[in-house]
């Protein structure tokens, strides 16, 4: 079964290459890889240290012109961290909820249009919620909750691979480092 999936993936990404022509739609998911100023959660899975989280951004984009994409992504994040010490333990949960309209301008690196670099700009609007609970070894507990919103402008760049009907990209901006996986929909015929 794994061999069949690998063969299908190789075929899908090498047969022909999607171009980002006017009218092309892009839909997919981005994963936030690091905690930063605007986001409290990031994608992490570490059961040994009792630390796990998922920060995803469902994304939709539309090509206004060749290699110019506009769209928006939602931000959905949750992270749980539990730290234990000899006399106390701390449990922290973080949630993120937001939306970010964006624009990207691509530049083809290869003649077959499968490798592209891009510049991006976005307006990130996010609500963060942090809850911290302290448990002392004597049995007493205390907790704090912080809830606040952020609106940040974001500039960045990235690198994308355009397969037959899929796109894989990595980007770094002033608000996030993301890994994205997308499907090409409704590519306009010439």
N, C-alpha and C. Protein backbone atom coordinates (compact mmCIF):
# COMPACT_ATOMS: atom_id res chain seq x y z
N UNK A 1 0.82 -1.19 0.00
CA UNK A 1 0.00 0.00 0.00
C UNK A 1 0.87 1.27 0.00
N UNK A 2 1.95 1.26 0.79
CA UNK A 2 2.85 2.41 0.83
C UNK A 2 3.51 2.64 -0.53
N UNK A 3 3.87 1.55 -1.21
CA UNK A 3 4.49 1.68 -2.53
C UNK A 3 3.51 2.29 -3.53
N UNK A 4 2.25 1.87 -3.46
CA UNK A 4 1.23 2.41 -4.36
C UNK A 4 1.04 3.90 -4.13
N UNK A 5 0.97 4.33 -2.86
CA UNK A 5 0.83 5.75 -2.55
C UNK A 5 2.04 6.54 -3.04
N UNK A 6 3.23 5.99 -2.88
CA UNK A 6 4.44 6.67 -3.35
C UNK A 6 4.43 6.80 -4.87
N UNK A 7 4.03 5.76 -5.58
CA UNK A 7 3.95 5.81 -7.04
C UNK A 7 2.94 6.86 -7.50
N UNK A 8 1.78 6.92 -6.84
CA UNK A 8 0.76 7.91 -7.19
C UNK A 8 1.25 9.33 -6.93
N UNK A 9 1.95 9.53 -5.81
CA UNK A 9 2.47 10.85 -5.49
C UNK A 9 3.52 11.29 -6.51
N UNK A 10 4.42 10.38 -6.87
CA UNK A 10 5.44 10.70 -7.87
C UNK A 10 4.78 11.02 -9.21
N UNK A 11 3.78 10.24 -9.62
CA UNK A 11 3.09 10.49 -10.87
C UNK A 11 2.38 11.85 -10.85
N UNK A 12 1.70 12.14 -9.73
CA UNK A 12 0.94 13.39 -9.63
C UNK A 12 1.85 14.60 -9.68
N UNK A 13 3.06 14.48 -9.18
CA UNK A 13 3.94 15.65 -9.12
C UNK A 13 4.90 15.76 -10.29
N UNK A 14 4.96 14.74 -11.16
CA UNK A 14 5.92 14.81 -12.26
C UNK A 14 5.29 14.75 -13.65
N UNK A 15 4.00 14.45 -13.75
CA UNK A 15 3.40 14.28 -15.07
C UNK A 15 3.38 15.56 -15.88
N UNK A 16 2.70 16.55 -15.37
CA UNK A 16 2.69 17.86 -16.00
C UNK A 16 2.62 18.87 -14.88
N UNK A 17 2.93 20.09 -15.17
CA UNK A 17 3.04 21.05 -14.09
C UNK A 17 1.99 22.13 -14.20
N UNK A 18 1.37 22.42 -13.07
CA UNK A 18 0.35 23.45 -13.02
C UNK A 18 1.02 24.81 -13.18
N UNK A 19 0.35 25.66 -13.90
CA UNK A 19 0.81 27.03 -14.01
C UNK A 19 -0.17 27.91 -13.26
N UNK A 20 0.31 28.98 -12.73
CA UNK A 20 -0.54 29.89 -11.98
C UNK A 20 -1.06 30.96 -12.94
N UNK A 21 -2.01 30.55 -13.78
CA UNK A 21 -2.61 31.45 -14.77
C UNK A 21 -3.81 32.17 -14.18
N UNK A 22 -4.24 33.24 -14.83
CA UNK A 22 -5.41 33.99 -14.41
C UNK A 22 -6.61 33.05 -14.27
N UNK A 23 -7.32 33.16 -13.14
CA UNK A 23 -8.49 32.32 -12.90
C UNK A 23 -8.21 31.04 -12.13
N UNK A 24 -6.95 30.70 -11.91
CA UNK A 24 -6.62 29.49 -11.16
C UNK A 24 -6.97 29.68 -9.69
N UNK A 25 -7.53 28.63 -9.09
CA UNK A 25 -7.86 28.65 -7.67
C UNK A 25 -6.94 27.68 -6.94
N UNK A 26 -6.56 28.05 -5.74
CA UNK A 26 -5.66 27.24 -4.93
C UNK A 26 -6.34 27.05 -3.56
N UNK A 27 -6.45 25.82 -3.09
CA UNK A 27 -7.06 25.56 -1.78
C UNK A 27 -6.18 24.55 -1.03
N UNK A 28 -5.97 24.76 0.26
CA UNK A 28 -5.12 23.84 1.00
C UNK A 28 -4.95 24.22 2.45
N UNK A 29 -3.87 23.70 3.04
CA UNK A 29 -3.54 23.92 4.46
C UNK A 29 -2.11 24.37 4.61
N UNK A 30 -1.90 25.29 5.54
CA UNK A 30 -0.56 25.68 5.96
C UNK A 30 -0.42 25.31 7.43
N UNK A 31 0.79 24.96 7.83
CA UNK A 31 1.08 24.62 9.22
C UNK A 31 2.08 25.63 9.78
N UNK A 32 1.72 26.28 10.90
CA UNK A 32 2.65 27.17 11.59
C UNK A 32 3.65 26.31 12.34
N UNK A 33 4.94 26.55 12.13
CA UNK A 33 5.96 25.69 12.69
C UNK A 33 6.60 26.21 13.97
N UNK A 34 6.45 27.49 14.30
CA UNK A 34 7.08 28.06 15.49
C UNK A 34 6.12 28.99 16.23
N UNK A 35 6.28 29.08 17.54
CA UNK A 35 5.58 30.08 18.33
C UNK A 35 6.26 31.41 18.06
N UNK A 36 5.48 32.49 17.97
CA UNK A 36 6.06 33.81 17.74
C UNK A 36 5.21 34.87 18.42
N UNK A 37 5.43 36.13 18.10
CA UNK A 37 4.73 37.22 18.77
C UNK A 37 3.22 37.19 18.59
N UNK A 38 2.76 36.82 17.39
CA UNK A 38 1.33 36.92 17.12
C UNK A 38 0.58 35.61 17.42
N UNK A 39 1.26 34.48 17.36
CA UNK A 39 0.61 33.19 17.60
C UNK A 39 1.12 32.56 18.88
N UNK A 40 0.23 31.96 19.66
CA UNK A 40 0.62 31.28 20.89
C UNK A 40 0.82 29.79 20.70
N UNK A 41 0.27 29.22 19.64
CA UNK A 41 0.34 27.78 19.40
C UNK A 41 1.20 27.50 18.18
N UNK A 42 1.79 26.31 18.16
CA UNK A 42 2.51 25.86 16.97
C UNK A 42 2.35 24.35 16.85
N UNK A 43 2.69 23.81 15.70
CA UNK A 43 2.55 22.38 15.45
C UNK A 43 3.69 21.65 16.15
N UNK A 44 3.33 20.76 17.09
CA UNK A 44 4.31 20.07 17.91
C UNK A 44 3.69 18.77 18.41
N UNK A 45 4.49 17.73 18.50
CA UNK A 45 4.04 16.45 19.05
C UNK A 45 5.19 15.83 19.82
N UNK A 46 5.13 15.92 21.14
CA UNK A 46 6.19 15.42 22.01
C UNK A 46 5.54 14.84 23.26
N UNK A 47 5.14 13.55 23.19
CA UNK A 47 4.44 12.93 24.32
C UNK A 47 5.35 12.72 25.51
N UNK A 48 6.65 12.54 25.30
CA UNK A 48 7.58 12.32 26.41
C UNK A 48 7.61 13.54 27.33
N UNK A 49 7.56 14.73 26.76
CA UNK A 49 7.57 15.96 27.56
C UNK A 49 6.17 16.52 27.78
N UNK A 50 5.14 15.77 27.40
CA UNK A 50 3.74 16.20 27.54
C UNK A 50 3.50 17.56 26.86
N UNK A 51 3.92 17.65 25.63
CA UNK A 51 3.79 18.87 24.86
C UNK A 51 3.24 18.50 23.48
N UNK A 52 2.05 19.00 23.15
CA UNK A 52 1.52 18.75 21.82
C UNK A 52 0.66 19.94 21.38
N UNK A 53 0.64 20.14 20.09
CA UNK A 53 -0.13 21.24 19.55
C UNK A 53 -0.30 21.11 18.05
N UNK A 54 -1.26 21.84 17.54
CA UNK A 54 -1.51 21.87 16.11
C UNK A 54 -1.95 23.28 15.75
N UNK A 55 -1.29 23.87 14.80
CA UNK A 55 -1.66 25.20 14.30
C UNK A 55 -1.78 25.09 12.79
N UNK A 56 -3.00 25.16 12.31
CA UNK A 56 -3.25 25.03 10.87
C UNK A 56 -3.92 26.28 10.34
N UNK A 57 -3.72 26.51 9.07
CA UNK A 57 -4.33 27.65 8.39
C UNK A 57 -4.96 27.17 7.09
N UNK A 58 -6.28 26.86 7.10
CA UNK A 58 -6.96 26.56 5.84
C UNK A 58 -6.85 27.79 4.93
N UNK A 59 -6.49 27.55 3.67
CA UNK A 59 -6.12 28.65 2.77
C UNK A 59 -6.87 28.57 1.45
N UNK A 60 -7.30 29.73 0.94
CA UNK A 60 -7.89 29.82 -0.39
C UNK A 60 -7.24 30.99 -1.12
N UNK A 61 -6.86 30.76 -2.36
CA UNK A 61 -6.27 31.82 -3.18
C UNK A 61 -6.84 31.81 -4.58
N UNK A 62 -6.83 32.97 -5.22
CA UNK A 62 -7.33 33.12 -6.58
C UNK A 62 -6.32 33.96 -7.37
N UNK A 63 -5.96 33.49 -8.56
CA UNK A 63 -4.99 34.20 -9.40
C UNK A 63 -5.70 35.30 -10.19
N UNK A 64 -5.39 36.55 -9.85
CA UNK A 64 -5.96 37.69 -10.58
C UNK A 64 -5.30 37.85 -11.94
N UNK A 65 -4.02 37.59 -12.00
CA UNK A 65 -3.22 37.62 -13.22
C UNK A 65 -2.23 36.47 -13.12
N UNK A 66 -1.51 36.21 -14.18
CA UNK A 66 -0.49 35.16 -14.15
C UNK A 66 0.52 35.46 -13.05
N UNK A 67 0.73 34.50 -12.16
CA UNK A 67 1.67 34.56 -11.04
C UNK A 67 1.35 35.62 -9.97
N UNK A 68 0.08 36.10 -9.92
CA UNK A 68 -0.34 37.02 -8.85
C UNK A 68 -1.56 36.42 -8.17
N UNK A 69 -1.39 36.03 -6.92
CA UNK A 69 -2.42 35.34 -6.15
C UNK A 69 -2.90 36.24 -5.02
N UNK A 70 -4.22 36.31 -4.82
CA UNK A 70 -4.81 36.98 -3.66
C UNK A 70 -5.72 35.96 -2.97
N UNK A 71 -5.89 36.12 -1.67
CA UNK A 71 -6.75 35.18 -0.95
C UNK A 71 -6.75 35.46 0.53
N UNK A 72 -7.09 34.42 1.29
CA UNK A 72 -7.14 34.54 2.75
C UNK A 72 -6.90 33.17 3.36
N UNK A 73 -6.38 33.19 4.56
CA UNK A 73 -6.30 31.95 5.32
C UNK A 73 -6.83 32.19 6.73
N UNK A 74 -7.48 31.17 7.27
CA UNK A 74 -7.95 31.20 8.65
C UNK A 74 -6.82 30.65 9.52
N UNK A 75 -6.83 31.00 10.79
CA UNK A 75 -5.82 30.50 11.73
C UNK A 75 -6.54 29.76 12.84
N UNK A 76 -6.22 28.48 13.00
CA UNK A 76 -6.80 27.65 14.05
C UNK A 76 -5.66 26.96 14.78
N UNK A 77 -5.47 27.28 16.06
CA UNK A 77 -4.34 26.71 16.79
C UNK A 77 -4.70 26.31 18.20
N UNK A 78 -4.07 25.22 18.67
CA UNK A 78 -4.21 24.76 20.05
C UNK A 78 -2.89 24.14 20.47
N UNK A 79 -2.46 24.43 21.69
CA UNK A 79 -1.25 23.80 22.22
C UNK A 79 -1.42 23.53 23.71
N UNK A 80 -0.91 22.38 24.17
CA UNK A 80 -0.96 21.97 25.57
C UNK A 80 0.46 21.63 26.01
N UNK A 81 0.88 22.20 27.14
CA UNK A 81 2.21 21.95 27.68
C UNK A 81 2.07 21.69 29.17
N UNK A 82 2.65 20.60 29.64
CA UNK A 82 2.67 20.32 31.08
C UNK A 82 4.12 20.13 31.51
N UNK A 83 4.55 20.93 32.49
CA UNK A 83 5.91 20.86 33.02
C UNK A 83 5.84 20.49 34.50
N UNK A 84 6.64 19.51 34.90
CA UNK A 84 6.65 19.08 36.30
C UNK A 84 8.01 19.36 36.93
N UNK A 85 7.97 19.86 38.16
CA UNK A 85 9.16 20.18 38.95
C UNK A 85 9.02 19.51 40.31
N UNK A 86 10.07 19.45 41.13
CA UNK A 86 9.97 18.75 42.41
C UNK A 86 8.85 19.26 43.33
N UNK A 87 8.58 20.56 43.37
CA UNK A 87 7.57 21.09 44.31
C UNK A 87 6.30 21.59 43.65
N UNK A 88 6.23 21.63 42.33
CA UNK A 88 5.02 22.12 41.67
C UNK A 88 5.00 21.64 40.21
N UNK A 89 3.83 21.84 39.58
CA UNK A 89 3.69 21.57 38.14
C UNK A 89 2.91 22.71 37.52
N UNK A 90 3.13 22.91 36.24
CA UNK A 90 2.47 23.97 35.49
C UNK A 90 1.82 23.35 34.26
N UNK A 91 0.56 23.68 34.02
CA UNK A 91 -0.15 23.26 32.82
C UNK A 91 -0.55 24.51 32.05
N UNK A 92 -0.15 24.58 30.79
CA UNK A 92 -0.45 25.75 29.96
C UNK A 92 -1.20 25.31 28.71
N UNK A 93 -2.25 26.03 28.38
CA UNK A 93 -2.95 25.81 27.11
C UNK A 93 -3.02 27.13 26.37
N UNK A 94 -2.85 27.06 25.05
CA UNK A 94 -2.91 28.24 24.18
C UNK A 94 -3.86 27.94 23.04
N UNK A 95 -4.70 28.90 22.69
CA UNK A 95 -5.55 28.76 21.51
C UNK A 95 -5.42 30.02 20.66
N UNK A 96 -5.46 29.85 19.36
CA UNK A 96 -5.43 30.96 18.39
C UNK A 96 -6.62 30.83 17.46
N UNK A 97 -7.23 31.94 17.14
CA UNK A 97 -8.31 31.98 16.17
C UNK A 97 -8.19 33.28 15.40
N UNK A 98 -8.12 33.19 14.06
CA UNK A 98 -7.96 34.42 13.30
C UNK A 98 -8.16 34.24 11.81
N UNK A 99 -7.93 35.33 11.10
CA UNK A 99 -8.03 35.35 9.64
C UNK A 99 -6.96 36.29 9.09
N UNK A 100 -6.50 36.00 7.89
CA UNK A 100 -5.45 36.83 7.29
C UNK A 100 -5.65 36.93 5.78
N UNK A 101 -6.13 38.07 5.27
CA UNK A 101 -6.11 38.29 3.83
C UNK A 101 -4.66 38.47 3.37
N UNK A 102 -4.33 37.94 2.18
CA UNK A 102 -2.94 38.00 1.71
C UNK A 102 -2.87 38.21 0.21
N UNK A 103 -1.68 38.55 -0.23
CA UNK A 103 -1.37 38.58 -1.66
C UNK A 103 0.03 38.00 -1.84
N UNK A 104 0.24 37.32 -2.95
CA UNK A 104 1.55 36.75 -3.29
C UNK A 104 1.86 37.06 -4.74
N UNK A 105 3.12 37.37 -4.98
CA UNK A 105 3.60 37.60 -6.34
C UNK A 105 4.71 36.59 -6.60
N UNK A 106 4.52 35.72 -7.60
CA UNK A 106 5.44 34.62 -7.90
C UNK A 106 6.37 35.00 -9.04
N UNK A 107 7.55 34.39 -9.01
CA UNK A 107 8.53 34.52 -10.08
C UNK A 107 8.99 33.11 -10.44
N UNK A 108 8.85 32.75 -11.72
CA UNK A 108 9.25 31.42 -12.18
C UNK A 108 10.77 31.28 -12.17
N UNK A 109 11.24 30.16 -11.61
CA UNK A 109 12.67 29.86 -11.61
C UNK A 109 13.06 28.92 -12.74
N UNK A 110 12.08 28.16 -13.24
CA UNK A 110 12.34 27.20 -14.31
C UNK A 110 11.38 27.44 -15.47
N UNK A 111 11.79 27.03 -16.66
CA UNK A 111 10.95 27.22 -17.84
C UNK A 111 9.67 26.42 -17.81
N UNK A 112 9.66 25.29 -17.09
CA UNK A 112 8.45 24.48 -17.01
C UNK A 112 7.51 24.95 -15.90
N UNK A 113 7.83 26.04 -15.22
CA UNK A 113 6.99 26.71 -14.22
C UNK A 113 6.76 25.88 -12.95
N UNK A 114 7.57 24.85 -12.72
CA UNK A 114 7.31 24.04 -11.53
C UNK A 114 7.99 24.57 -10.27
N UNK A 115 9.04 25.35 -10.41
CA UNK A 115 9.70 25.94 -9.24
C UNK A 115 9.54 27.45 -9.28
N UNK A 116 9.05 28.02 -8.17
CA UNK A 116 8.80 29.46 -8.12
C UNK A 116 9.24 30.01 -6.77
N UNK A 117 9.67 31.24 -6.75
CA UNK A 117 9.87 31.98 -5.51
C UNK A 117 8.74 33.01 -5.46
N UNK A 118 8.42 33.46 -4.25
CA UNK A 118 7.36 34.45 -4.15
C UNK A 118 7.59 35.41 -2.98
N UNK A 119 7.06 36.60 -3.16
CA UNK A 119 6.99 37.58 -2.08
C UNK A 119 5.55 37.60 -1.60
N UNK A 120 5.35 37.86 -0.32
CA UNK A 120 4.00 37.86 0.20
C UNK A 120 3.77 39.03 1.14
N UNK A 121 2.53 39.46 1.22
CA UNK A 121 2.09 40.48 2.16
C UNK A 121 0.74 40.03 2.70
N UNK A 122 0.53 40.24 4.00
CA UNK A 122 -0.74 39.83 4.63
C UNK A 122 -1.08 40.76 5.77
N UNK A 123 -2.34 40.75 6.15
CA UNK A 123 -2.81 41.44 7.34
C UNK A 123 -3.34 40.36 8.27
N UNK A 124 -2.59 40.05 9.32
CA UNK A 124 -2.91 38.95 10.24
C UNK A 124 -3.75 39.48 11.40
N UNK A 125 -4.96 38.96 11.55
CA UNK A 125 -5.87 39.36 12.62
C UNK A 125 -6.12 38.11 13.48
N UNK A 126 -5.62 38.10 14.72
CA UNK A 126 -5.63 36.89 15.54
C UNK A 126 -6.06 37.20 16.96
N UNK A 127 -6.91 36.33 17.53
CA UNK A 127 -7.26 36.37 18.95
C UNK A 127 -6.53 35.22 19.64
N UNK A 128 -5.76 35.54 20.70
CA UNK A 128 -5.02 34.52 21.45
C UNK A 128 -5.62 34.38 22.85
N UNK A 129 -5.64 33.14 23.33
CA UNK A 129 -6.09 32.86 24.69
C UNK A 129 -5.06 31.96 25.35
N UNK A 130 -4.53 32.39 26.49
CA UNK A 130 -3.57 31.60 27.27
C UNK A 130 -4.19 31.29 28.62
N UNK A 131 -4.13 30.03 29.02
CA UNK A 131 -4.58 29.64 30.36
C UNK A 131 -3.43 28.88 31.03
N UNK A 132 -3.04 29.33 32.22
CA UNK A 132 -1.95 28.71 32.97
C UNK A 132 -2.47 28.28 34.33
N UNK A 133 -2.19 27.04 34.71
CA UNK A 133 -2.61 26.51 36.01
C UNK A 133 -1.38 26.00 36.75
N UNK A 134 -1.21 26.47 37.99
CA UNK A 134 -0.09 26.07 38.85
C UNK A 134 -0.62 25.12 39.93
N UNK A 135 0.02 23.96 40.06
CA UNK A 135 -0.32 22.98 41.09
C UNK A 135 0.87 22.83 42.02
N UNK A 136 0.71 23.24 43.29
CA UNK A 136 1.78 23.09 44.27
C UNK A 136 1.70 21.71 44.90
N UNK A 137 2.84 21.17 45.36
CA UNK A 137 2.86 19.81 45.92
C UNK A 137 2.00 19.71 47.18
N UNK A 138 1.71 20.80 47.88
CA UNK A 138 0.85 20.78 49.07
C UNK A 138 -0.62 20.68 48.73
N UNK A 139 -0.99 20.72 47.46
CA UNK A 139 -2.38 20.57 47.05
C UNK A 139 -3.06 21.85 46.63
N UNK A 140 -2.45 23.01 46.83
CA UNK A 140 -3.09 24.26 46.42
C UNK A 140 -2.84 24.52 44.93
N UNK A 141 -3.78 25.22 44.33
CA UNK A 141 -3.67 25.55 42.90
C UNK A 141 -4.00 27.02 42.68
N UNK A 142 -3.51 27.54 41.60
CA UNK A 142 -3.89 28.88 41.15
C UNK A 142 -3.84 28.87 39.62
N UNK A 143 -4.58 29.79 39.03
CA UNK A 143 -4.58 29.84 37.57
C UNK A 143 -4.74 31.28 37.09
N UNK A 144 -4.28 31.50 35.87
CA UNK A 144 -4.43 32.79 35.22
C UNK A 144 -4.89 32.57 33.79
N UNK A 145 -5.66 33.51 33.30
CA UNK A 145 -6.12 33.47 31.91
C UNK A 145 -5.88 34.83 31.29
N UNK A 146 -5.28 34.82 30.11
CA UNK A 146 -5.05 36.05 29.34
C UNK A 146 -5.69 35.86 27.97
N UNK A 147 -6.43 36.87 27.54
CA UNK A 147 -7.10 36.81 26.25
C UNK A 147 -6.90 38.16 25.57
N UNK A 148 -6.32 38.17 24.39
CA UNK A 148 -6.12 39.43 23.68
C UNK A 148 -6.00 39.20 22.19
N UNK A 149 -6.20 40.28 21.45
CA UNK A 149 -6.14 40.21 20.00
C UNK A 149 -4.96 40.99 19.45
N UNK A 150 -4.55 40.60 18.28
CA UNK A 150 -3.45 41.25 17.56
C UNK A 150 -3.86 41.50 16.12
N UNK A 151 -3.42 42.61 15.58
CA UNK A 151 -3.53 42.89 14.15
C UNK A 151 -2.13 43.30 13.70
N UNK A 152 -1.53 42.50 12.85
CA UNK A 152 -0.17 42.76 12.39
C UNK A 152 -0.09 42.70 10.87
N UNK A 153 0.63 43.63 10.30
CA UNK A 153 0.98 43.53 8.89
C UNK A 153 2.15 42.57 8.77
N UNK A 154 2.19 41.83 7.70
CA UNK A 154 3.21 40.80 7.53
C UNK A 154 3.81 40.87 6.13
N UNK A 155 5.13 40.82 6.05
CA UNK A 155 5.86 40.74 4.78
C UNK A 155 6.77 39.53 4.84
N UNK A 156 6.95 38.85 3.72
CA UNK A 156 7.82 37.69 3.71
C UNK A 156 8.11 37.18 2.32
N UNK A 157 8.70 36.00 2.28
CA UNK A 157 9.05 35.36 1.01
C UNK A 157 8.96 33.86 1.17
N UNK A 158 8.95 33.16 0.05
CA UNK A 158 8.87 31.71 0.10
C UNK A 158 9.32 31.07 -1.19
N UNK A 159 9.26 29.76 -1.18
CA UNK A 159 9.68 28.93 -2.30
C UNK A 159 8.60 27.89 -2.52
N UNK A 160 8.15 27.69 -3.77
CA UNK A 160 7.08 26.74 -4.05
C UNK A 160 7.43 25.76 -5.14
N UNK A 161 6.89 24.56 -4.98
CA UNK A 161 6.98 23.51 -6.00
C UNK A 161 5.59 23.27 -6.55
N UNK A 162 5.38 23.45 -7.86
CA UNK A 162 4.09 23.27 -8.50
C UNK A 162 4.09 21.95 -9.25
N UNK A 163 3.35 20.98 -8.76
CA UNK A 163 3.19 19.70 -9.42
C UNK A 163 2.01 19.73 -10.37
N UNK A 164 1.55 18.56 -10.78
CA UNK A 164 0.45 18.47 -11.74
C UNK A 164 -0.81 19.16 -11.22
N UNK A 165 -1.23 18.81 -10.03
CA UNK A 165 -2.42 19.43 -9.43
C UNK A 165 -2.18 19.81 -7.98
N UNK A 166 -0.92 19.76 -7.53
CA UNK A 166 -0.61 20.10 -6.15
C UNK A 166 0.51 21.13 -6.09
N UNK A 167 0.54 21.84 -4.97
CA UNK A 167 1.59 22.81 -4.71
C UNK A 167 2.09 22.56 -3.29
N UNK A 168 3.39 22.56 -3.12
CA UNK A 168 4.01 22.47 -1.80
C UNK A 168 4.91 23.69 -1.67
N UNK A 169 4.77 24.42 -0.55
CA UNK A 169 5.63 25.58 -0.39
C UNK A 169 6.07 25.76 1.06
N UNK A 170 7.09 26.54 1.24
CA UNK A 170 7.59 26.95 2.55
C UNK A 170 7.76 28.45 2.50
N UNK A 171 7.33 29.12 3.58
CA UNK A 171 7.45 30.57 3.60
C UNK A 171 7.86 31.06 4.99
N UNK A 172 8.52 32.18 5.00
CA UNK A 172 8.91 32.84 6.25
C UNK A 172 8.47 34.29 6.12
N UNK A 173 7.80 34.78 7.15
CA UNK A 173 7.35 36.16 7.15
C UNK A 173 7.61 36.77 8.52
N UNK A 174 7.22 38.01 8.67
CA UNK A 174 7.41 38.68 9.96
C UNK A 174 6.49 38.14 11.04
N UNK A 175 5.50 37.31 10.69
CA UNK A 175 4.59 36.75 11.69
C UNK A 175 4.62 35.23 11.80
N UNK A 176 5.19 34.52 10.84
CA UNK A 176 5.13 33.05 10.91
C UNK A 176 6.13 32.40 9.96
N UNK A 177 6.47 31.17 10.31
CA UNK A 177 7.18 30.27 9.40
C UNK A 177 6.20 29.14 9.13
N UNK A 178 5.88 28.94 7.83
CA UNK A 178 4.82 28.00 7.48
C UNK A 178 5.27 27.02 6.41
N UNK A 179 4.65 25.84 6.47
CA UNK A 179 4.77 24.82 5.44
C UNK A 179 3.38 24.61 4.89
N UNK A 180 3.21 24.69 3.55
CA UNK A 180 1.88 24.62 2.95
C UNK A 180 1.74 23.52 1.93
N UNK A 181 0.53 22.95 1.87
CA UNK A 181 0.14 21.91 0.91
C UNK A 181 -1.19 22.34 0.31
N UNK A 182 -1.25 22.41 -1.04
CA UNK A 182 -2.44 22.92 -1.71
C UNK A 182 -2.82 22.06 -2.91
N UNK A 183 -4.07 22.21 -3.31
CA UNK A 183 -4.58 21.58 -4.53
C UNK A 183 -4.96 22.70 -5.48
N UNK A 184 -4.65 22.51 -6.77
CA UNK A 184 -5.02 23.46 -7.81
C UNK A 184 -6.41 23.10 -8.29
N UNK A 185 -7.31 24.11 -8.31
CA UNK A 185 -8.67 23.92 -8.77
C UNK A 185 -8.98 24.90 -9.90
N UNK A 186 -9.80 24.49 -10.82
CA UNK A 186 -10.34 25.39 -11.83
C UNK A 186 -9.33 26.15 -12.64
N UNK A 187 -8.25 25.49 -13.02
CA UNK A 187 -7.26 26.18 -13.85
C UNK A 187 -7.90 26.48 -15.21
N UNK A 188 -7.80 27.71 -15.60
CA UNK A 188 -8.41 28.16 -16.84
C UNK A 188 -7.63 27.64 -18.05
N UNK A 189 -8.34 27.17 -19.03
CA UNK A 189 -7.71 26.68 -20.27
C UNK A 189 -7.43 27.85 -21.20
N UNK A 190 -6.33 27.76 -21.93
CA UNK A 190 -5.98 28.82 -22.90
C UNK A 190 -6.76 28.65 -24.18
